[in-house]
PDB file of N, CA and C in Angstrom:
ATOM      1  N   UNK A   1      63.265  57.432 178.015  1.00  0.00           N
ATOM      2  CA  UNK A   1      62.353  56.574 178.738  1.00  0.00           C
ATOM      3  C   UNK A   1      61.178  57.415 179.232  1.00  0.00           C
ATOM      4  N   UNK A   2      60.002  56.890 179.120  1.00  0.00           N
ATOM      5  CA  UNK A   2      58.790  57.608 179.493  1.00  0.00           C
ATOM      6  C   UNK A   2      58.574  57.582 181.001  1.00  0.00           C
ATOM      7  N   UNK A   3      58.535  58.757 181.602  1.00  0.00           N
ATOM      8  CA  UNK A   3      58.255  58.816 183.037  1.00  0.00           C
ATOM      9  C   UNK A   3      56.782  58.544 183.302  1.00  0.00           C
ATOM     10  N   UNK A   4      55.921  59.011 182.412  1.00  0.00           N
ATOM     11  CA  UNK A   4      54.483  58.772 182.568  1.00  0.00           C
ATOM     12  C   UNK A   4      54.170  57.302 182.334  1.00  0.00           C
ATOM     13  N   UNK A   5      54.745  56.713 181.316  1.00  0.00           N
ATOM     14  CA  UNK A   5      54.466  55.323 180.974  1.00  0.00           C
ATOM     15  C   UNK A   5      54.904  54.329 182.026  1.00  0.00           C
ATOM     16  N   UNK A   6      55.940  54.668 182.799  1.00  0.00           N
ATOM     17  CA  UNK A   6      56.444  53.749 183.820  1.00  0.00           C
ATOM     18  C   UNK A   6      55.489  53.588 184.993  1.00  0.00           C
ATOM     19  N   UNK A   7      54.631  54.573 185.234  1.00  0.00           N
ATOM     20  CA  UNK A   7      53.733  54.525 186.393  1.00  0.00           C
ATOM     21  C   UNK A   7      52.567  53.578 186.128  1.00  0.00           C
ATOM     22  N   UNK A   8      52.335  52.621 187.003  1.00  0.00           N
ATOM     23  CA  UNK A   8      51.162  51.750 186.832  1.00  0.00           C
ATOM     24  C   UNK A   8      49.889  52.512 187.190  1.00  0.00           C
ATOM     25  N   UNK A   9      48.765  52.048 186.679  1.00  0.00           N
ATOM     26  CA  UNK A   9      47.469  52.662 186.954  1.00  0.00           C
ATOM     27  C   UNK A   9      46.750  51.790 187.975  1.00  0.00           C
ATOM     28  N   UNK A  10      46.531  52.322 189.163  1.00  0.00           N
ATOM     29  CA  UNK A  10      45.801  51.601 190.203  1.00  0.00           C
ATOM     30  C   UNK A  10      44.311  51.863 190.025  1.00  0.00           C
ATOM     31  N   UNK A  11      43.518  50.794 189.985  1.00  0.00           N
ATOM     32  CA  UNK A  11      42.074  50.942 189.854  1.00  0.00           C
ATOM     33  C   UNK A  11      41.450  51.114 191.240  1.00  0.00           C
ATOM     34  N   UNK A  12      40.629  52.151 191.422  1.00  0.00           N
ATOM     35  CA  UNK A  12      39.969  52.325 192.719  1.00  0.00           C
ATOM     36  C   UNK A  12      38.890  51.269 192.934  1.00  0.00           C
ATOM     37  N   UNK A  13      38.425  51.141 194.167  1.00  0.00           N
ATOM     38  CA  UNK A  13      37.372  50.163 194.447  1.00  0.00           C
ATOM     39  C   UNK A  13      36.105  50.566 193.701  1.00  0.00           C
ATOM     40  N   UNK A  14      35.385  49.582 193.218  1.00  0.00           N
ATOM     41  CA  UNK A  14      34.172  49.836 192.451  1.00  0.00           C
ATOM     42  C   UNK A  14      34.414  50.003 190.963  1.00  0.00           C
ATOM     43  N   UNK A  15      35.665  49.922 190.546  1.00  0.00           N
ATOM     44  CA  UNK A  15      36.021  50.067 189.134  1.00  0.00           C
ATOM     45  C   UNK A  15      36.659  48.769 188.672  1.00  0.00           C
ATOM     46  N   UNK A  16      36.236  48.295 187.498  1.00  0.00           N
ATOM     47  CA  UNK A  16      36.816  47.075 186.939  1.00  0.00           C
ATOM     48  C   UNK A  16      37.288  47.346 185.519  1.00  0.00           C
ATOM     49  N   UNK A  17      38.285  46.597 185.096  1.00  0.00           N
ATOM     50  CA  UNK A  17      38.828  46.751 183.749  1.00  0.00           C
ATOM     51  C   UNK A  17      38.962  45.382 183.105  1.00  0.00           C
ATOM     52  N   UNK A  18      38.667  45.321 181.806  1.00  0.00           N
ATOM     53  CA  UNK A  18      38.839  44.091 181.042  1.00  0.00           C
ATOM     54  C   UNK A  18      39.683  44.405 179.815  1.00  0.00           C
ATOM     55  N   UNK A  19      40.416  43.410 179.375  1.00  0.00           N
ATOM     56  CA  UNK A  19      41.291  43.559 178.224  1.00  0.00           C
ATOM     57  C   UNK A  19      40.900  42.539 177.177  1.00  0.00           C
ATOM     58  N   UNK A  20      40.647  43.010 175.965  1.00  0.00           N
ATOM     59  CA  UNK A  20      40.314  42.143 174.847  1.00  0.00           C
ATOM     60  C   UNK A  20      41.194  42.555 173.675  1.00  0.00           C
ATOM     61  N   UNK A  21      42.256  41.808 173.445  1.00  0.00           N
ATOM     62  CA  UNK A  21      43.210  42.193 172.410  1.00  0.00           C
ATOM     63  C   UNK A  21      43.944  43.449 172.846  1.00  0.00           C
ATOM     64  N   UNK A  22      43.816  44.513 172.081  1.00  0.00           N
ATOM     65  CA  UNK A  22      44.425  45.797 172.427  1.00  0.00           C
ATOM     66  C   UNK A  22      43.385  46.789 172.949  1.00  0.00           C
ATOM     67  N   UNK A  23      42.168  46.325 173.230  1.00  0.00           N
ATOM     68  CA  UNK A  23      41.103  47.201 173.709  1.00  0.00           C
ATOM     69  C   UNK A  23      40.911  47.029 175.208  1.00  0.00           C
ATOM     70  N   UNK A  24      40.989  48.138 175.921  1.00  0.00           N
ATOM     71  CA  UNK A  24      40.770  48.150 177.365  1.00  0.00           C
ATOM     72  C   UNK A  24      39.396  48.759 177.610  1.00  0.00           C
ATOM     73  N   UNK A  25      38.573  48.081 178.408  1.00  0.00           N
ATOM     74  CA  UNK A  25      37.259  48.602 178.775  1.00  0.00           C
ATOM     75  C   UNK A  25      37.225  48.754 180.288  1.00  0.00           C
ATOM     76  N   UNK A  26      36.938  49.965 180.738  1.00  0.00           N
ATOM     77  CA  UNK A  26      36.904  50.272 182.166  1.00  0.00           C
ATOM     78  C   UNK A  26      35.470  50.604 182.544  1.00  0.00           C
ATOM     79  N   UNK A  27      34.948  49.890 183.549  1.00  0.00           N
ATOM     80  CA  UNK A  27      33.580  50.103 184.015  1.00  0.00           C
ATOM     81  C   UNK A  27      33.618  50.589 185.451  1.00  0.00           C
ATOM     82  N   UNK A  28      32.805  51.611 185.730  1.00  0.00           N
ATOM     83  CA  UNK A  28      32.730  52.150 187.080  1.00  0.00           C
ATOM     84  C   UNK A  28      31.341  52.681 187.362  1.00  0.00           C
ATOM     85  N   UNK A  29      31.148  53.307 188.508  1.00  0.00           N
ATOM     86  CA  UNK A  29      29.830  53.804 188.878  1.00  0.00           C
ATOM     87  C   UNK A  29      29.333  54.939 187.981  1.00  0.00           C
ATOM     88  N   UNK A  30      30.222  55.617 187.285  1.00  0.00           N
ATOM     89  CA  UNK A  30      29.827  56.732 186.423  1.00  0.00           C
ATOM     90  C   UNK A  30      29.690  56.337 184.957  1.00  0.00           C
ATOM     91  N   UNK A  31      29.944  55.071 184.616  1.00  0.00           N
ATOM     92  CA  UNK A  31      29.789  54.637 183.237  1.00  0.00           C
ATOM     93  C   UNK A  31      30.927  53.754 182.773  1.00  0.00           C
ATOM     94  N   UNK A  32      31.004  53.619 181.443  1.00  0.00           N
ATOM     95  CA  UNK A  32      31.984  52.741 180.815  1.00  0.00           C
ATOM     96  C   UNK A  32      32.785  53.524 179.784  1.00  0.00           C
ATOM     97  N   UNK A  33      34.088  53.281 179.749  1.00  0.00           N
ATOM     98  CA  UNK A  33      34.964  53.858 178.741  1.00  0.00           C
ATOM     99  C   UNK A  33      35.776  52.744 178.102  1.00  0.00           C
ATOM    100  N   UNK A  34      36.057  52.879 176.810  1.00  0.00           N
ATOM    101  CA  UNK A  34      36.922  51.901 176.158  1.00  0.00           C
ATOM    102  C   UNK A  34      37.989  52.641 175.359  1.00  0.00           C
ATOM    103  N   UNK A  35      39.143  52.006 175.230  1.00  0.00           N
ATOM    104  CA  UNK A  35      40.279  52.580 174.529  1.00  0.00           C
ATOM    105  C   UNK A  35      40.992  51.482 173.772  1.00  0.00           C
ATOM    106  N   UNK A  36      41.273  51.725 172.487  1.00  0.00           N
ATOM    107  CA  UNK A  36      42.015  50.760 171.676  1.00  0.00           C
ATOM    108  C   UNK A  36      43.436  51.281 171.513  1.00  0.00           C
ATOM    109  N   UNK A  37      44.387  50.549 172.047  1.00  0.00           N
ATOM    110  CA  UNK A  37      45.798  50.932 171.983  1.00  0.00           C
ATOM    111  C   UNK A  37      46.409  50.479 170.661  1.00  0.00           C
ATOM    112  N   UNK A  38      47.479  51.142 170.266  1.00  0.00           N
ATOM    113  CA  UNK A  38      48.189  50.749 169.054  1.00  0.00           C
ATOM    114  C   UNK A  38      48.970  49.464 169.318  1.00  0.00           C
ATOM    115  N   UNK A  39      49.469  48.860 168.261  1.00  0.00           N
ATOM    116  CA  UNK A  39      50.243  47.627 168.392  1.00  0.00           C
ATOM    117  C   UNK A  39      51.664  47.879 168.902  1.00  0.00           C
ATOM    118  N   UNK A  40      52.015  49.148 169.126  1.00  0.00           N
ATOM    119  CA  UNK A  40      53.353  49.483 169.609  1.00  0.00           C
ATOM    120  C   UNK A  40      53.519  49.279 171.106  1.00  0.00           C
ATOM    121  N   UNK A  41      52.408  49.045 171.823  1.00  0.00           N
ATOM    122  CA  UNK A  41      52.475  48.872 173.276  1.00  0.00           C
ATOM    123  C   UNK A  41      51.767  47.587 173.694  1.00  0.00           C
ATOM    124  N   UNK A  42      52.148  47.087 174.864  1.00  0.00           N
ATOM    125  CA  UNK A  42      51.509  45.925 175.472  1.00  0.00           C
ATOM    126  C   UNK A  42      50.812  46.391 176.737  1.00  0.00           C
ATOM    127  N   UNK A  43      49.557  45.983 176.909  1.00  0.00           N
ATOM    128  CA  UNK A  43      48.788  46.361 178.090  1.00  0.00           C
ATOM    129  C   UNK A  43      48.499  45.105 178.892  1.00  0.00           C
ATOM    130  N   UNK A  44      48.722  45.177 180.201  1.00  0.00           N
ATOM    131  CA  UNK A  44      48.458  44.047 181.093  1.00  0.00           C
ATOM    132  C   UNK A  44      47.609  44.526 182.262  1.00  0.00           C
ATOM    133  N   UNK A  45      46.667  43.680 182.685  1.00  0.00           N
ATOM    134  CA  UNK A  45      45.857  43.963 183.867  1.00  0.00           C
ATOM    135  C   UNK A  45      46.102  42.836 184.858  1.00  0.00           C
ATOM    136  N   UNK A  46      46.570  43.202 186.052  1.00  0.00           N
ATOM    137  CA  UNK A  46      46.858  42.201 187.078  1.00  0.00           C
ATOM    138  C   UNK A  46      46.592  42.817 188.447  1.00  0.00           C
ATOM    139  N   UNK A  47      45.747  42.179 189.245  1.00  0.00           N
ATOM    140  CA  UNK A  47      45.458  42.612 190.620  1.00  0.00           C
ATOM    141  C   UNK A  47      45.021  44.076 190.700  1.00  0.00           C
ATOM    142  N   UNK A  48      44.054  44.465 189.873  1.00  0.00           N
ATOM    143  CA  UNK A  48      43.523  45.839 189.847  1.00  0.00           C
ATOM    144  C   UNK A  48      44.585  46.889 189.532  1.00  0.00           C
ATOM    145  N   UNK A  49      45.589  46.504 188.761  1.00  0.00           N
ATOM    146  CA  UNK A  49      46.623  47.429 188.312  1.00  0.00           C
ATOM    147  C   UNK A  49      46.794  47.243 186.809  1.00  0.00           C
ATOM    148  N   UNK A  50      46.746  48.351 186.070  1.00  0.00           N
ATOM    149  CA  UNK A  50      46.959  48.318 184.624  1.00  0.00           C
ATOM    150  C   UNK A  50      48.367  48.826 184.358  1.00  0.00           C
ATOM    151  N   UNK A  51      49.139  48.069 183.574  1.00  0.00           N
ATOM    152  CA  UNK A  51      50.481  48.514 183.214  1.00  0.00           C
ATOM    153  C   UNK A  51      50.620  48.509 181.694  1.00  0.00           C
ATOM    154  N   UNK A  52      51.337  49.505 181.200  1.00  0.00           N
ATOM    155  CA  UNK A  52      51.569  49.666 179.767  1.00  0.00           C
ATOM    156  C   UNK A  52      53.074  49.612 179.544  1.00  0.00           C
ATOM    157  N   UNK A  53      53.519  48.805 178.575  1.00  0.00           N
ATOM    158  CA  UNK A  53      54.941  48.710 178.252  1.00  0.00           C
ATOM    159  C   UNK A  53      55.116  48.793 176.739  1.00  0.00           C
ATOM    160  N   UNK A  54      56.235  49.367 176.276  1.00  0.00           N
ATOM    161  CA  UNK A  54      56.475  49.431 174.833  1.00  0.00           C
ATOM    162  C   UNK A  54      56.880  48.066 174.293  1.00  0.00           C
ATOM    163  N   UNK A  55      56.543  47.793 173.046  1.00  0.00           N
ATOM    164  CA  UNK A  55      56.900  46.503 172.430  1.00  0.00           C
ATOM    165  C   UNK A  55      58.267  46.532 171.768  1.00  0.00           C
ATOM    166  N   UNK A  56      58.830  47.675 171.636  1.00  0.00           N
ATOM    167  CA  UNK A  56      60.143  47.770 171.007  1.00  0.00           C
ATOM    168  C   UNK A  56      60.860  48.996 171.520  1.00  0.00           C
ATOM    169  N   UNK A  57      61.958  49.328 170.872  1.00  0.00           N
ATOM    170  CA  UNK A  57      62.734  50.483 171.294  1.00  0.00           C
ATOM    171  C   UNK A  57      62.657  51.603 170.265  1.00  0.00           C
ATOM    172  N   UNK A  58      61.686  51.520 169.360  1.00  0.00           N
ATOM    173  CA  UNK A  58      61.557  52.547 168.337  1.00  0.00           C
ATOM    174  C   UNK A  58      61.011  53.839 168.944  1.00  0.00           C
ATOM    175  N   UNK A  59      61.208  54.927 168.240  1.00  0.00           N
ATOM    176  CA  UNK A  59      60.725  56.224 168.717  1.00  0.00           C
ATOM    177  C   UNK A  59      59.207  56.211 168.842  1.00  0.00           C
ATOM    178  N   UNK A  60      58.524  55.624 167.875  1.00  0.00           N
ATOM    179  CA  UNK A  60      57.059  55.567 167.905  1.00  0.00           C
ATOM    180  C   UNK A  60      56.557  54.748 169.100  1.00  0.00           C
ATOM    181  N   UNK A  61      57.199  53.633 169.394  1.00  0.00           N
ATOM    182  CA  UNK A  61      56.785  52.801 170.529  1.00  0.00           C
ATOM    183  C   UNK A  61      56.930  53.570 171.833  1.00  0.00           C
ATOM    184  N   UNK A  62      58.013  54.319 171.980  1.00  0.00           N
ATOM    185  CA  UNK A  62      58.214  55.101 173.198  1.00  0.00           C
ATOM    186  C   UNK A  62      57.207  56.239 173.301  1.00  0.00           C
ATOM    187  N   UNK A  63      56.848  56.847 172.157  1.00  0.00           N
ATOM    188  CA  UNK A  63      55.837  57.906 172.161  1.00  0.00           C
ATOM    189  C   UNK A  63      54.473  57.351 172.562  1.00  0.00           C
ATOM    190  N   UNK A  64      54.119  56.221 171.999  1.00  0.00           N
ATOM    191  CA  UNK A  64      52.818  55.621 172.282  1.00  0.00           C
ATOM    192  C   UNK A  64      52.731  55.067 173.700  1.00  0.00           C
ATOM    193  N   UNK A  65      53.854  54.750 174.296  1.00  0.00           N
ATOM    194  CA  UNK A  65      53.907  54.218 175.652  1.00  0.00           C
ATOM    195  C   UNK A  65      53.274  55.201 176.642  1.00  0.00           C
ATOM    196  N   UNK A  66      53.759  56.424 176.683  1.00  0.00           N
ATOM    197  CA  UNK A  66      53.212  57.435 177.587  1.00  0.00           C
ATOM    198  C   UNK A  66      51.812  57.865 177.189  1.00  0.00           C
ATOM    199  N   UNK A  67      51.576  57.988 175.882  1.00  0.00           N
ATOM    200  CA  UNK A  67      50.266  58.429 175.405  1.00  0.00           C
ATOM    201  C   UNK A  67      49.188  57.400 175.718  1.00  0.00           C
ATOM    202  N   UNK A  68      49.482  56.129 175.528  1.00  0.00           N
ATOM    203  CA  UNK A  68      48.497  55.081 175.804  1.00  0.00           C
ATOM    204  C   UNK A  68      48.181  55.008 177.289  1.00  0.00           C
ATOM    205  N   UNK A  69      49.176  55.171 178.123  1.00  0.00           N
ATOM    206  CA  UNK A  69      48.948  55.148 179.570  1.00  0.00           C
ATOM    207  C   UNK A  69      48.048  56.311 179.971  1.00  0.00           C
ATOM    208  N   UNK A  70      48.265  57.480 179.383  1.00  0.00           N
ATOM    209  CA  UNK A  70      47.446  58.652 179.687  1.00  0.00           C
ATOM    210  C   UNK A  70      46.008  58.461 179.219  1.00  0.00           C
ATOM    211  N   UNK A  71      45.823  57.852 178.053  1.00  0.00           N
ATOM    212  CA  UNK A  71      44.479  57.652 177.511  1.00  0.00           C
ATOM    213  C   UNK A  71      43.659  56.670 178.339  1.00  0.00           C
ATOM    214  N   UNK A  72      44.314  55.664 178.900  1.00  0.00           N
ATOM    215  CA  UNK A  72      43.599  54.681 179.719  1.00  0.00           C
ATOM    216  C   UNK A  72      43.179  55.368 180.986  1.00  0.00           C
TER     217      UNK A  72
END
C-alpha cells in the first residue's frame, strides 16, 4: 500500500484546481501547471482537497498511485 498515495493534497488559499478527464490543472499566484494521470488511478477534487486512488490492485496501479500524487 502506498504511504505517499494515501495522503490527500490540501490546496492552500489562492490556489484552485480543475479536473478534466485525467488532466489536473492547478492555478495559483505563481502560474499554472497541468498533469495528465494514467488510467491506472482515479483523481478526485472535493473541498480544496485532491485525492488519488488506484483503480485496481495491480502492481502498476499501485506504482502509479504514489507517483501520480507526487506529480500533482
